[in-house]
Amino acid sequence: MTHKEKWLVFAPTGLMVIGFGTCLVQWATSLMQKKAPTRDWVLAGTGALVVLNAGVSLFGRGVAESVLYQIREQGPSAVLTDSIPTENTAVDAEEASALD
């Protein structure tokens, strides 16, 4: 599979699994509010959080594949080459503007 194909599979799948996990969390919450036995709603909630986090993981993989696809398609120009400003450069810029 190419990076684009992986991106187009992982990202939507991750979003669907996140939605399903959110529904399961709500279901576990409703079990707790209905005074179901503690074991039932704790297990349901734990399973719901596993599904939710799996969805986040799948979506994150989709984002990573998207970045790899963009780098491959656009070449080195897809990567920022400017340096990240530090506090010293920000202070120097403020001092320079104060002199104007």
C-alpha atoms as a PDB file:
ATOM      1  CA  MET A   1       0.000   0.000   0.000  1.00  0.00           C
ATOM      2  CA  THR A   2       1.166   3.514  -0.715  1.00  0.00           C
ATOM      3  CA  HIS A   3       1.250   6.252   1.912  1.00  0.00           C
ATOM      4  CA  LYS A   4      -1.816   7.840   0.303  1.00  0.00           C
ATOM      5  CA  GLU A   5      -3.797   4.593   0.444  1.00  0.00           C
ATOM      6  CA  LYS A   6      -2.822   4.060   4.087  1.00  0.00           C
ATOM      7  CA  TRP A   7      -3.790   7.634   4.897  1.00  0.00           C
ATOM      8  CA  LEU A   8      -7.171   7.218   3.195  1.00  0.00           C
ATOM      9  CA  VAL A   9      -7.822   4.004   5.141  1.00  0.00           C
ATOM     10  CA  PHE A  10      -6.462   4.844   8.604  1.00  0.00           C
ATOM     11  CA  ALA A  11      -7.842   8.367   9.050  1.00  0.00           C
ATOM     12  CA  PRO A  12     -11.545   7.651   8.331  1.00  0.00           C
ATOM     13  CA  THR A  13     -11.379   4.310  10.143  1.00  0.00           C
ATOM     14  CA  GLY A  14      -9.886   6.059  13.166  1.00  0.00           C
ATOM     15  CA  LEU A  15     -12.659   8.648  13.154  1.00  0.00           C
ATOM     16  CA  MET A  16     -15.323   5.932  13.032  1.00  0.00           C
ATOM     17  CA  VAL A  17     -13.700   3.993  15.871  1.00  0.00           C
ATOM     18  CA  ILE A  18     -13.420   7.193  17.933  1.00  0.00           C
ATOM     19  CA  GLY A  19     -17.160   7.776  17.442  1.00  0.00           C
ATOM     20  CA  PHE A  20     -17.959   4.183  18.400  1.00  0.00           C
ATOM     21  CA  GLY A  21     -15.744   4.440  21.484  1.00  0.00           C
ATOM     22  CA  THR A  22     -17.500   7.643  22.511  1.00  0.00           C
ATOM     23  CA  CYS A  23     -20.874   5.900  22.225  1.00  0.00           C
ATOM     24  CA  LEU A  24     -19.570   3.047  24.366  1.00  0.00           C
ATOM     25  CA  VAL A  25     -18.355   5.505  27.011  1.00  0.00           C
ATOM     26  CA  GLN A  26     -21.842   7.017  27.115  1.00  0.00           C
ATOM     27  CA  TRP A  27     -23.348   3.526  27.426  1.00  0.00           C
ATOM     28  CA  ALA A  28     -21.041   2.687  30.343  1.00  0.00           C
ATOM     29  CA  THR A  29     -21.990   5.984  31.986  1.00  0.00           C
ATOM     30  CA  SER A  30     -25.671   5.164  31.639  1.00  0.00           C
ATOM     31  CA  LEU A  31     -25.040   1.786  33.288  1.00  0.00           C
ATOM     32  CA  MET A  32     -23.455   3.585  36.224  1.00  0.00           C
ATOM     33  CA  GLN A  33     -26.361   6.028  36.503  1.00  0.00           C
ATOM     34  CA  LYS A  34     -28.871   3.154  36.428  1.00  0.00           C
ATOM     35  CA  LYS A  35     -27.125   1.699  39.486  1.00  0.00           C
ATOM     36  CA  ALA A  36     -25.918  -1.399  37.625  1.00  0.00           C
ATOM     37  CA  PRO A  37     -23.451  -3.584  39.528  1.00  0.00           C
ATOM     38  CA  THR A  38     -20.071  -1.890  39.761  1.00  0.00           C
ATOM     39  CA  ARG A  39     -18.313  -4.727  37.965  1.00  0.00           C
ATOM     40  CA  ASP A  40     -20.589  -4.298  34.904  1.00  0.00           C
ATOM     41  CA  TRP A  41     -20.101  -0.577  34.363  1.00  0.00           C
ATOM     42  CA  VAL A  42     -16.378  -0.651  35.206  1.00  0.00           C
ATOM     43  CA  LEU A  43     -15.743  -3.392  32.642  1.00  0.00           C
ATOM     44  CA  ALA A  44     -17.929  -1.611  30.084  1.00  0.00           C
ATOM     45  CA  GLY A  45     -16.122   1.681  30.706  1.00  0.00           C
ATOM     46  CA  THR A  46     -12.702   0.060  30.480  1.00  0.00           C
ATOM     47  CA  GLY A  47     -13.597  -1.594  27.194  1.00  0.00           C
ATOM     48  CA  ALA A  48     -15.029   1.690  25.918  1.00  0.00           C
ATOM     49  CA  LEU A  49     -11.818   3.540  26.720  1.00  0.00           C
ATOM     50  CA  VAL A  50      -9.774   0.833  24.959  1.00  0.00           C
ATOM     51  CA  VAL A  51     -11.891   1.275  21.815  1.00  0.00           C
ATOM     52  CA  LEU A  52     -11.706   5.075  22.042  1.00  0.00           C
ATOM     53  CA  ASN A  53      -7.915   5.057  22.403  1.00  0.00           C
ATOM     54  CA  ALA A  54      -7.582   2.567  19.540  1.00  0.00           C
ATOM     55  CA  GLY A  55      -9.481   5.045  17.379  1.00  0.00           C
ATOM     56  CA  VAL A  56      -7.147   7.867  18.379  1.00  0.00           C
ATOM     57  CA  SER A  57      -4.190   5.631  17.537  1.00  0.00           C
ATOM     58  CA  LEU A  58      -5.597   4.748  14.122  1.00  0.00           C
ATOM     59  CA  PHE A  59      -6.323   8.395  13.350  1.00  0.00           C
ATOM     60  CA  GLY A  60      -2.802   9.361  14.448  1.00  0.00           C
ATOM     61  CA  ARG A  61      -1.386   6.744  12.099  1.00  0.00           C
ATOM     62  CA  GLY A  62      -3.483   8.256   9.320  1.00  0.00           C
ATOM     63  CA  VAL A  63      -2.045  11.695  10.051  1.00  0.00           C
ATOM     64  CA  ALA A  64       1.497  10.266   9.990  1.00  0.00           C
ATOM     65  CA  GLU A  65       0.833   8.592   6.643  1.00  0.00           C
ATOM     66  CA  SER A  66      -0.552  11.884   5.325  1.00  0.00           C
ATOM     67  CA  VAL A  67       2.657  13.678   6.273  1.00  0.00           C
ATOM     68  CA  LEU A  68       4.771  10.951   4.654  1.00  0.00           C
ATOM     69  CA  TYR A  69       2.639  11.188   1.507  1.00  0.00           C
ATOM     70  CA  GLN A  70       3.023  14.972   1.366  1.00  0.00           C
ATOM     71  CA  ILE A  71       6.791  14.751   1.845  1.00  0.00           C
ATOM     72  CA  ARG A  72       7.071  12.141  -0.906  1.00  0.00           C
ATOM     73  CA  GLU A  73       4.886  14.149  -3.310  1.00  0.00           C
ATOM     74  CA  GLN A  74       6.344  17.605  -2.649  1.00  0.00           C
ATOM     75  CA  GLY A  75       9.894  16.554  -1.929  1.00  0.00           C
ATOM     76  CA  PRO A  76      12.107  18.450   0.485  1.00  0.00           C
ATOM     77  CA  SER A  77      10.034  21.626   0.050  1.00  0.00           C
ATOM     78  CA  ALA A  78       7.315  20.028   2.217  1.00  0.00           C
ATOM     79  CA  VAL A  79       9.620  20.239   5.232  1.00  0.00           C
ATOM     80  CA  LEU A  80      10.129  23.607   6.931  1.00  0.00           C
ATOM     81  CA  THR A  81      13.713  24.766   6.714  1.00  0.00           C
ATOM     82  CA  ASP A  82      13.425  27.921   8.823  1.00  0.00           C
ATOM     83  CA  SER A  83      14.914  27.693  12.263  1.00  0.00           C
ATOM     84  CA  ILE A  84      12.625  27.777  15.267  1.00  0.00           C
ATOM     85  CA  PRO A  85      12.903  31.139  17.025  1.00  0.00           C
ATOM     86  CA  THR A  86      14.326  31.086  20.518  1.00  0.00           C
ATOM     87  CA  GLU A  87      13.877  33.551  23.344  1.00  0.00           C
ATOM     88  CA  ASN A  88      17.096  35.327  22.394  1.00  0.00           C
ATOM     89  CA  THR A  89      15.936  36.001  18.831  1.00  0.00           C
ATOM     90  CA  ALA A  90      12.556  37.225  20.113  1.00  0.00           C
ATOM     91  CA  VAL A  91      14.281  39.616  22.509  1.00  0.00           C
ATOM     92  CA  ASP A  92      16.607  40.824  19.734  1.00  0.00           C
ATOM     93  CA  ALA A  93      13.605  41.534  17.511  1.00  0.00           C
ATOM     94  CA  GLU A  94      11.925  43.525  20.311  1.00  0.00           C
ATOM     95  CA  GLU A  95      15.098  45.532  20.923  1.00  0.00           C
ATOM     96  CA  ALA A  96      15.437  46.234  17.204  1.00  0.00           C
ATOM     97  CA  SER A  97      11.855  47.479  16.974  1.00  0.00           C
ATOM     98  CA  ALA A  98      12.401  49.662  20.063  1.00  0.00           C
ATOM     99  CA  LEU A  99      15.329  51.365  18.329  1.00  0.00           C
ATOM    100  CA  ASP A 100      13.201  52.354  15.320  1.00  0.00           C
END
